[in-house]
Amino acid sequence: RFLQEAQLAASLTNDHIVTIYQVGEVDDTLFIVMELLRGESLETRLARDASLSLAESLRIAREVAEGLAAAAEAAWPRQMVATSFLMNCIVS
């Protein structure tokens, strides 16, 4: 099941969903190779400073909604989307 879901995730390209480069199994160990993100999880960001500006809150909400819409269009299983995976990425 891991390999099937990872391959499905790898088939989706969107600015608000992490890019998966490779999935596989070596010596009975499953692996996934994905894009390295710079930043912190949304959970960590909120723990550090629970008060976000309106502009920051709206940016995050828009980006999450765009990623979820792309996942829904690709018919991703709901269990593949976890709030703990939300990243507040630093864009330079």
PDB file of N, CA and C in Angstrom:
ATOM      1  N   ARG A   1       0.826  -1.194   0.000  1.00  0.00           N
ATOM      2  CA  ARG A   1       0.000   0.000   0.000  1.00  0.00           C
ATOM      3  C   ARG A   1       0.873   1.263   0.000  1.00  0.00           C
ATOM      4  N   PHE A   2       1.970   1.247   0.768  1.00  0.00           N
ATOM      5  CA  PHE A   2       2.878   2.394   0.812  1.00  0.00           C
ATOM      6  C   PHE A   2       3.351   2.757  -0.583  1.00  0.00           C
ATOM      7  N   LEU A   3       3.805   1.769  -1.335  1.00  0.00           N
ATOM      8  CA  LEU A   3       4.340   2.041  -2.669  1.00  0.00           C
ATOM      9  C   LEU A   3       3.267   2.597  -3.596  1.00  0.00           C
ATOM     10  N   GLN A   4       2.057   2.060  -3.518  1.00  0.00           N
ATOM     11  CA  GLN A   4       0.969   2.559  -4.374  1.00  0.00           C
ATOM     12  C   GLN A   4       0.642   4.010  -4.059  1.00  0.00           C
ATOM     13  N   GLU A   5       0.520   4.342  -2.771  1.00  0.00           N
ATOM     14  CA  GLU A   5       0.178   5.707  -2.397  1.00  0.00           C
ATOM     15  C   GLU A   5       1.320   6.673  -2.709  1.00  0.00           C
ATOM     16  N   ALA A   6       2.555   6.237  -2.502  1.00  0.00           N
ATOM     17  CA  ALA A   6       3.700   7.095  -2.801  1.00  0.00           C
ATOM     18  C   ALA A   6       3.809   7.349  -4.300  1.00  0.00           C
ATOM     19  N   GLN A   7       3.543   6.341  -5.112  1.00  0.00           N
ATOM     20  CA  GLN A   7       3.580   6.521  -6.565  1.00  0.00           C
ATOM     21  C   GLN A   7       2.462   7.463  -7.025  1.00  0.00           C
ATOM     22  N   LEU A   8       1.302   7.359  -6.390  1.00  0.00           N
ATOM     23  CA  LEU A   8       0.212   8.279  -6.701  1.00  0.00           C
ATOM     24  C   LEU A   8       0.621   9.704  -6.342  1.00  0.00           C
ATOM     25  N   ALA A   9       1.213   9.877  -5.171  1.00  0.00           N
ATOM     26  CA  ALA A   9       1.669  11.205  -4.742  1.00  0.00           C
ATOM     27  C   ALA A   9       2.738  11.740  -5.695  1.00  0.00           C
ATOM     28  N   ALA A  10       3.616  10.873  -6.166  1.00  0.00           N
ATOM     29  CA  ALA A  10       4.688  11.288  -7.070  1.00  0.00           C
ATOM     30  C   ALA A  10       4.141  11.764  -8.421  1.00  0.00           C
ATOM     31  N   SER A  11       2.947  11.334  -8.755  1.00  0.00           N
ATOM     32  CA  SER A  11       2.384  11.713 -10.054  1.00  0.00           C
ATOM     33  C   SER A  11       1.816  13.131 -10.056  1.00  0.00           C
ATOM     34  N   LEU A  12       1.721  13.751  -8.886  1.00  0.00           N
ATOM     35  CA  LEU A  12       1.114  15.080  -8.795  1.00  0.00           C
ATOM     36  C   LEU A  12       2.176  16.162  -8.695  1.00  0.00           C
ATOM     37  N   THR A  13       2.039  17.175  -9.515  1.00  0.00           N
ATOM     38  CA  THR A  13       2.939  18.323  -9.474  1.00  0.00           C
ATOM     39  C   THR A  13       2.120  19.562  -9.141  1.00  0.00           C
ATOM     40  N   ASN A  14       2.501  20.234  -8.053  1.00  0.00           N
ATOM     41  CA  ASN A  14       1.809  21.447  -7.625  1.00  0.00           C
ATOM     42  C   ASN A  14       2.749  22.231  -6.741  1.00  0.00           C
ATOM     43  N   ASP A  15       2.699  23.553  -6.834  1.00  0.00           N
ATOM     44  CA  ASP A  15       3.580  24.403  -6.023  1.00  0.00           C
ATOM     45  C   ASP A  15       3.358  24.227  -4.530  1.00  0.00           C
ATOM     46  N   HIS A  16       2.201  23.708  -4.130  1.00  0.00           N
ATOM     47  CA  HIS A  16       1.877  23.614  -2.709  1.00  0.00           C
ATOM     48  C   HIS A  16       1.833  22.175  -2.203  1.00  0.00           C
ATOM     49  N   ILE A  17       2.425  21.284  -2.961  1.00  0.00           N
ATOM     50  CA  ILE A  17       2.554  19.878  -2.558  1.00  0.00           C
ATOM     51  C   ILE A  17       3.998  19.465  -2.828  1.00  0.00           C
ATOM     52  N   VAL A  18       4.609  18.825  -1.843  1.00  0.00           N
ATOM     53  CA  VAL A  18       6.007  18.429  -1.962  1.00  0.00           C
ATOM     54  C   VAL A  18       6.198  17.515  -3.182  1.00  0.00           C
ATOM     55  N   THR A  19       7.298  17.713  -3.893  1.00  0.00           N
ATOM     56  CA  THR A  19       7.619  16.889  -5.053  1.00  0.00           C
ATOM     57  C   THR A  19       8.280  15.600  -4.584  1.00  0.00           C
ATOM     58  N   ILE A  20       7.780  14.484  -5.090  1.00  0.00           N
ATOM     59  CA  ILE A  20       8.364  13.180  -4.775  1.00  0.00           C
ATOM     60  C   ILE A  20       9.145  12.725  -5.994  1.00  0.00           C
ATOM     61  N   TYR A  21      10.426  12.436  -5.779  1.00  0.00           N
ATOM     62  CA  TYR A  21      11.311  12.072  -6.881  1.00  0.00           C
ATOM     63  C   TYR A  21      11.387  10.576  -7.122  1.00  0.00           C
ATOM     64  N   GLN A  22      11.324   9.799  -6.054  1.00  0.00           N
ATOM     65  CA  GLN A  22      11.484   8.355  -6.213  1.00  0.00           C
ATOM     66  C   GLN A  22      10.860   7.635  -5.035  1.00  0.00           C
ATOM     67  N   VAL A  23      10.287   6.467  -5.307  1.00  0.00           N
ATOM     68  CA  VAL A  23       9.795   5.577  -4.262  1.00  0.00           C
ATOM     69  C   VAL A  23      10.294   4.181  -4.595  1.00  0.00           C
ATOM     70  N   GLY A  24      10.500   3.392  -3.578  1.00  0.00           N
ATOM     71  CA  GLY A  24      10.967   2.041  -3.853  1.00  0.00           C
ATOM     72  C   GLY A  24      11.183   1.225  -2.594  1.00  0.00           C
ATOM     73  N   GLU A  25      11.869   0.117  -2.789  1.00  0.00           N
ATOM     74  CA  GLU A  25      12.162  -0.800  -1.696  1.00  0.00           C
ATOM     75  C   GLU A  25      13.539  -1.400  -1.937  1.00  0.00           C
ATOM     76  N   VAL A  26      14.369  -1.378  -0.911  1.00  0.00           N
ATOM     77  CA  VAL A  26      15.701  -1.970  -0.963  1.00  0.00           C
ATOM     78  C   VAL A  26      15.868  -2.837   0.278  1.00  0.00           C
ATOM     79  N   ASP A  27      16.207  -4.100   0.073  1.00  0.00           N
ATOM     80  CA  ASP A  27      16.421  -5.029   1.195  1.00  0.00           C
ATOM     81  C   ASP A  27      15.267  -4.989   2.184  1.00  0.00           C
ATOM     82  N   ASP A  28      14.049  -5.075   1.685  1.00  0.00           N
ATOM     83  CA  ASP A  28      12.827  -5.076   2.508  1.00  0.00           C
ATOM     84  C   ASP A  28      12.584  -3.769   3.259  1.00  0.00           C
ATOM     85  N   THR A  29      13.254  -2.690   2.861  1.00  0.00           N
ATOM     86  CA  THR A  29      13.041  -1.387   3.474  1.00  0.00           C
ATOM     87  C   THR A  29      12.432  -0.451   2.433  1.00  0.00           C
ATOM     88  N   LEU A  30      11.243   0.059   2.742  1.00  0.00           N
ATOM     89  CA  LEU A  30      10.569   0.993   1.846  1.00  0.00           C
ATOM     90  C   LEU A  30      11.191   2.373   1.987  1.00  0.00           C
ATOM     91  N   PHE A  31      11.267   3.119   0.885  1.00  0.00           N
ATOM     92  CA  PHE A  31      11.811   4.470   0.963  1.00  0.00           C
ATOM     93  C   PHE A  31      11.070   5.407   0.029  1.00  0.00           C
ATOM     94  N   ILE A  32      11.192   6.685   0.335  1.00  0.00           N
ATOM     95  CA  ILE A  32      10.631   7.742  -0.489  1.00  0.00           C
ATOM     96  C   ILE A  32      11.649   8.879  -0.517  1.00  0.00           C
ATOM     97  N   VAL A  33      11.937   9.390  -1.708  1.00  0.00           N
ATOM     98  CA  VAL A  33      12.875  10.501  -1.870  1.00  0.00           C
ATOM     99  C   VAL A  33      12.042  11.696  -2.317  1.00  0.00           C
ATOM    100  N   MET A  34      12.077  12.761  -1.497  1.00  0.00           N
ATOM    101  CA  MET A  34      11.262  13.920  -1.821  1.00  0.00           C
ATOM    102  C   MET A  34      12.049  15.211  -1.714  1.00  0.00           C
ATOM    103  N   GLU A  35      11.466  16.238  -2.233  1.00  0.00           N
ATOM    104  CA  GLU A  35      12.025  17.586  -2.224  1.00  0.00           C
ATOM    105  C   GLU A  35      12.357  18.013  -0.790  1.00  0.00           C
ATOM    106  N   LEU A  36      13.499  18.659  -0.642  1.00  0.00           N
ATOM    107  CA  LEU A  36      13.882  19.239   0.644  1.00  0.00           C
ATOM    108  C   LEU A  36      13.241  20.614   0.761  1.00  0.00           C
ATOM    109  N   LEU A  37      12.460  20.802   1.806  1.00  0.00           N
ATOM    110  CA  LEU A  37      11.797  22.085   2.021  1.00  0.00           C
ATOM    111  C   LEU A  37      12.532  22.879   3.082  1.00  0.00           C
ATOM    112  N   ARG A  38      12.684  24.154   2.838  1.00  0.00           N
ATOM    113  CA  ARG A  38      13.270  25.049   3.836  1.00  0.00           C
ATOM    114  C   ARG A  38      12.121  25.728   4.550  1.00  0.00           C
ATOM    115  N   GLY A  39      12.179  25.716   5.852  1.00  0.00           N
ATOM    116  CA  GLY A  39      11.108  26.330   6.622  1.00  0.00           C
ATOM    117  C   GLY A  39      10.774  25.476   7.822  1.00  0.00           C
ATOM    118  N   GLU A  40       9.569  25.592   8.289  1.00  0.00           N
ATOM    119  CA  GLU A  40       9.140  24.867   9.474  1.00  0.00           C
ATOM    120  C   GLU A  40       7.701  24.421   9.275  1.00  0.00           C
ATOM    121  N   SER A  41       7.284  23.447  10.075  1.00  0.00           N
ATOM    122  CA  SER A  41       5.895  23.021   9.984  1.00  0.00           C
ATOM    123  C   SER A  41       5.002  24.146  10.509  1.00  0.00           C
ATOM    124  N   LEU A  42       3.782  24.141  10.069  1.00  0.00           N
ATOM    125  CA  LEU A  42       2.841  25.140  10.559  1.00  0.00           C
ATOM    126  C   LEU A  42       2.649  24.972  12.068  1.00  0.00           C
ATOM    127  N   GLU A  43       2.657  23.744  12.516  1.00  0.00           N
ATOM    128  CA  GLU A  43       2.530  23.464  13.957  1.00  0.00           C
ATOM    129  C   GLU A  43       3.662  24.130  14.747  1.00  0.00           C
ATOM    130  N   THR A  44       4.897  24.002  14.256  1.00  0.00           N
ATOM    131  CA  THR A  44       6.044  24.625  14.923  1.00  0.00           C
ATOM    132  C   THR A  44       5.935  26.134  14.881  1.00  0.00           C
ATOM    133  N   ARG A  45       5.518  26.669  13.754  1.00  0.00           N
ATOM    134  CA  ARG A  45       5.372  28.122  13.601  1.00  0.00           C
ATOM    135  C   ARG A  45       4.365  28.675  14.596  1.00  0.00           C
ATOM    136  N   LEU A  46       3.238  27.982  14.743  1.00  0.00           N
ATOM    137  CA  LEU A  46       2.209  28.454  15.660  1.00  0.00           C
ATOM    138  C   LEU A  46       2.618  28.289  17.118  1.00  0.00           C
ATOM    139  N   ALA A  47       3.423  27.267  17.410  1.00  0.00           N
ATOM    140  CA  ALA A  47       3.919  27.083  18.779  1.00  0.00           C
ATOM    141  C   ALA A  47       4.893  28.206  19.142  1.00  0.00           C
ATOM    142  N   ARG A  48       5.659  28.636  18.159  1.00  0.00           N
ATOM    143  CA  ARG A  48       6.639  29.714  18.377  1.00  0.00           C
ATOM    144  C   ARG A  48       5.953  31.058  18.549  1.00  0.00           C
ATOM    145  N   ASP A  49       4.941  31.304  17.736  1.00  0.00           N
ATOM    146  CA  ASP A  49       4.231  32.585  17.777  1.00  0.00           C
ATOM    147  C   ASP A  49       2.801  32.337  17.308  1.00  0.00           C
ATOM    148  N   ALA A  50       1.906  32.212  18.260  1.00  0.00           N
ATOM    149  CA  ALA A  50       0.523  31.844  17.944  1.00  0.00           C
ATOM    150  C   ALA A  50      -0.245  32.938  17.222  1.00  0.00           C
ATOM    151  N   SER A  51       0.250  34.165  17.253  1.00  0.00           N
ATOM    152  CA  SER A  51      -0.482  35.254  16.597  1.00  0.00           C
ATOM    153  C   SER A  51       0.113  35.528  15.221  1.00  0.00           C
ATOM    154  N   LEU A  52      -0.662  35.210  14.213  1.00  0.00           N
ATOM    155  CA  LEU A  52      -0.260  35.494  12.836  1.00  0.00           C
ATOM    156  C   LEU A  52      -0.975  36.759  12.374  1.00  0.00           C
ATOM    157  N   SER A  53      -0.316  37.497  11.513  1.00  0.00           N
ATOM    158  CA  SER A  53      -0.993  38.663  10.931  1.00  0.00           C
ATOM    159  C   SER A  53      -2.104  38.168  10.008  1.00  0.00           C
ATOM    160  N   LEU A  54      -3.030  39.039   9.717  1.00  0.00           N
ATOM    161  CA  LEU A  54      -4.110  38.681   8.799  1.00  0.00           C
ATOM    162  C   LEU A  54      -3.544  38.276   7.444  1.00  0.00           C
ATOM    163  N   ALA A  55      -2.575  39.029   6.948  1.00  0.00           N
ATOM    164  CA  ALA A  55      -1.970  38.732   5.641  1.00  0.00           C
ATOM    165  C   ALA A  55      -1.311  37.353   5.646  1.00  0.00           C
ATOM    166  N   GLU A  56      -0.579  37.027   6.704  1.00  0.00           N
ATOM    167  CA  GLU A  56       0.086  35.721   6.812  1.00  0.00           C
ATOM    168  C   GLU A  56      -0.951  34.605   6.904  1.00  0.00           C
ATOM    169  N   SER A  57      -1.997  34.813   7.691  1.00  0.00           N
ATOM    170  CA  SER A  57      -3.061  33.811   7.830  1.00  0.00           C
ATOM    171  C   SER A  57      -3.738  33.549   6.489  1.00  0.00           C
ATOM    172  N   LEU A  58      -4.025  34.600   5.758  1.00  0.00           N
ATOM    173  CA  LEU A  58      -4.678  34.455   4.454  1.00  0.00           C
ATOM    174  C   LEU A  58      -3.761  33.777   3.443  1.00  0.00           C
ATOM    175  N   ARG A  59      -2.464  34.092   3.485  1.00  0.00           N
ATOM    176  CA  ARG A  59      -1.511  33.445   2.568  1.00  0.00           C
ATOM    177  C   ARG A  59      -1.472  31.947   2.828  1.00  0.00           C
ATOM    178  N   ILE A  60      -1.355  31.573   4.088  1.00  0.00           N
ATOM    179  CA  ILE A  60      -1.286  30.158   4.446  1.00  0.00           C
ATOM    180  C   ILE A  60      -2.582  29.449   4.049  1.00  0.00           C
ATOM    181  N   ALA A  61      -3.716  30.048   4.354  1.00  0.00           N
ATOM    182  CA  ALA A  61      -5.006  29.442   4.020  1.00  0.00           C
ATOM    183  C   ALA A  61      -5.146  29.246   2.513  1.00  0.00           C
ATOM    184  N   ARG A  62      -4.728  30.249   1.735  1.00  0.00           N
ATOM    185  CA  ARG A  62      -4.814  30.148   0.270  1.00  0.00           C
ATOM    186  C   ARG A  62      -3.941  29.018  -0.258  1.00  0.00           C
ATOM    187  N   GLU A  63      -2.703  28.940   0.259  1.00  0.00           N
ATOM    188  CA  GLU A  63      -1.777  27.911  -0.221  1.00  0.00           C
ATOM    189  C   GLU A  63      -2.239  26.508   0.173  1.00  0.00           C
ATOM    190  N   VAL A  64      -2.762  26.354   1.381  1.00  0.00           N
ATOM    191  CA  VAL A  64      -3.299  25.058   1.808  1.00  0.00           C
ATOM    192  C   VAL A  64      -4.490  24.681   0.928  1.00  0.00           C
ATOM    193  N   ALA A  65      -5.385  25.629   0.681  1.00  0.00           N
ATOM    194  CA  ALA A  65      -6.558  25.358  -0.156  1.00  0.00           C
ATOM    195  C   ALA A  65      -6.152  24.957  -1.575  1.00  0.00           C
ATOM    196  N   GLU A  66      -5.144  25.620  -2.132  1.00  0.00           N
ATOM    197  CA  GLU A  66      -4.685  25.271  -3.481  1.00  0.00           C
ATOM    198  C   GLU A  66      -4.090  23.863  -3.518  1.00  0.00           C
ATOM    199  N   GLY A  67      -3.307  23.512  -2.505  1.00  0.00           N
ATOM    200  CA  GLY A  67      -2.740  22.170  -2.436  1.00  0.00           C
ATOM    201  C   GLY A  67      -3.817  21.110  -2.270  1.00  0.00           C
ATOM    202  N   LEU A  68      -4.798  21.372  -1.393  1.00  0.00           N
ATOM    203  CA  LEU A  68      -5.896  20.424  -1.181  1.00  0.00           C
ATOM    204  C   LEU A  68      -6.749  20.270  -2.438  1.00  0.00           C
ATOM    205  N   ALA A  69      -6.970  21.365  -3.152  1.00  0.00           N
ATOM    206  CA  ALA A  69      -7.745  21.291  -4.395  1.00  0.00           C
ATOM    207  C   ALA A  69      -7.030  20.428  -5.432  1.00  0.00           C
ATOM    208  N   ALA A  70      -5.718  20.588  -5.536  1.00  0.00           N
ATOM    209  CA  ALA A  70      -4.944  19.771  -6.482  1.00  0.00           C
ATOM    210  C   ALA A  70      -4.991  18.298  -6.079  1.00  0.00           C
ATOM    211  N   ALA A  71      -4.889  18.028  -4.778  1.00  0.00           N
ATOM    212  CA  ALA A  71      -4.955  16.643  -4.298  1.00  0.00           C
ATOM    213  C   ALA A  71      -6.331  16.046  -4.587  1.00  0.00           C
ATOM    214  N   ALA A  72      -7.380  16.819  -4.387  1.00  0.00           N
ATOM    215  CA  ALA A  72      -8.734  16.331  -4.647  1.00  0.00           C
ATOM    216  C   ALA A  72      -8.947  16.055  -6.130  1.00  0.00           C
ATOM    217  N   GLU A  73      -8.426  16.943  -6.981  1.00  0.00           N
ATOM    218  CA  GLU A  73      -8.549  16.743  -8.430  1.00  0.00           C
ATOM    219  C   GLU A  73      -7.829  15.473  -8.875  1.00  0.00           C
ATOM    220  N   ALA A  74      -6.739  15.142  -8.189  1.00  0.00           N
ATOM    221  CA  ALA A  74      -5.980  13.936  -8.529  1.00  0.00           C
ATOM    222  C   ALA A  74      -6.544  12.697  -7.839  1.00  0.00           C
ATOM    223  N   ALA A  75      -7.636  12.864  -7.097  1.00  0.00           N
ATOM    224  CA  ALA A  75      -8.306  11.766  -6.392  1.00  0.00           C
ATOM    225  C   ALA A  75      -7.398  11.091  -5.372  1.00  0.00           C
ATOM    226  N   TRP A  76      -6.604  11.903  -4.668  1.00  0.00           N
ATOM    227  CA  TRP A  76      -5.776  11.352  -3.592  1.00  0.00           C
ATOM    228  C   TRP A  76      -6.671  10.804  -2.501  1.00  0.00           C
ATOM    229  N   PRO A  77      -6.299   9.685  -1.904  1.00  0.00           N
ATOM    230  CA  PRO A  77      -7.036   9.200  -0.728  1.00  0.00           C
ATOM    231  C   PRO A  77      -6.914  10.224   0.403  1.00  0.00           C
ATOM    232  N   ARG A  78      -7.989  10.421   1.129  1.00  0.00           N
ATOM    233  CA  ARG A  78      -8.021  11.423   2.200  1.00  0.00           C
ATOM    234  C   ARG A  78      -6.936  11.192   3.242  1.00  0.00           C
ATOM    235  N   GLN A  79      -6.595   9.934   3.529  1.00  0.00           N
ATOM    236  CA  GLN A  79      -5.591   9.644   4.561  1.00  0.00           C
ATOM    237  C   GLN A  79      -4.186  10.084   4.158  1.00  0.00           C
ATOM    238  N   MET A  80      -3.984  10.439   2.891  1.00  0.00           N
ATOM    239  CA  MET A  80      -2.667  10.906   2.461  1.00  0.00           C
ATOM    240  C   MET A  80      -2.423  12.367   2.825  1.00  0.00           C
ATOM    241  N   VAL A  81      -3.462  13.063   3.252  1.00  0.00           N
ATOM    242  CA  VAL A  81      -3.334  14.472   3.603  1.00  0.00           C
ATOM    243  C   VAL A  81      -3.378  14.584   5.126  1.00  0.00           C
ATOM    244  N   ALA A  82      -2.278  15.048   5.714  1.00  0.00           N
ATOM    245  CA  ALA A  82      -2.213  15.172   7.170  1.00  0.00           C
ATOM    246  C   ALA A  82      -1.828  16.592   7.546  1.00  0.00           C
ATOM    247  N   THR A  83      -2.524  17.153   8.517  1.00  0.00           N
ATOM    248  CA  THR A  83      -2.225  18.522   8.918  1.00  0.00           C
ATOM    249  C   THR A  83      -0.825  18.653   9.486  1.00  0.00           C
ATOM    250  N   SER A  84      -0.273  17.568  10.026  1.00  0.00           N
ATOM    251  CA  SER A  84       1.084  17.650  10.576  1.00  0.00           C
ATOM    252  C   SER A  84       2.129  17.835   9.481  1.00  0.00           C
ATOM    253  N   PHE A  85       1.751  17.657   8.224  1.00  0.00           N
ATOM    254  CA  PHE A  85       2.683  17.823   7.118  1.00  0.00           C
ATOM    255  C   PHE A  85       2.650  19.229   6.521  1.00  0.00           C
ATOM    256  N   LEU A  86       1.811  20.082   7.040  1.00  0.00           N
ATOM    257  CA  LEU A  86       1.736  21.443   6.500  1.00  0.00           C
ATOM    258  C   LEU A  86       3.018  22.194   6.835  1.00  0.00           C
ATOM    259  N   MET A  87       3.596  22.786   5.830  1.00  0.00           N
ATOM    260  CA  MET A  87       4.848  23.519   6.011  1.00  0.00           C
ATOM    261  C   MET A  87       4.613  25.001   5.784  1.00  0.00           C
ATOM    262  N   ASN A  88       5.255  25.790   6.591  1.00  0.00           N
ATOM    263  CA  ASN A  88       5.258  27.244   6.425  1.00  0.00           C
ATOM    264  C   ASN A  88       6.616  27.576   5.803  1.00  0.00           C
ATOM    265  N   CYS A  89       6.702  27.432   4.499  1.00  0.00           N
ATOM    266  CA  CYS A  89       7.995  27.524   3.818  1.00  0.00           C
ATOM    267  C   CYS A  89       8.458  28.968   3.675  1.00  0.00           C
ATOM    268  N   ILE A  90       9.742  29.124   3.778  1.00  0.00           N
ATOM    269  CA  ILE A  90      10.370  30.427   3.585  1.00  0.00           C
ATOM    270  C   ILE A  90      10.660  30.566   2.097  1.00  0.00           C
ATOM    271  N   VAL A  91      10.071  31.568   1.483  1.00  0.00           N
ATOM    272  CA  VAL A  91      10.301  31.805   0.061  1.00  0.00           C
ATOM    273  C   VAL A  91      11.189  33.018  -0.064  1.00  0.00           C
ATOM    274  N   SER A  92      12.344  32.818  -0.706  1.00  0.00           N
ATOM    275  CA  SER A  92      13.271  33.947  -0.843  1.00  0.00           C
ATOM    276  C   SER A  92      13.212  34.523  -2.233  1.00  0.00           C
TER     277      SER A  92
END
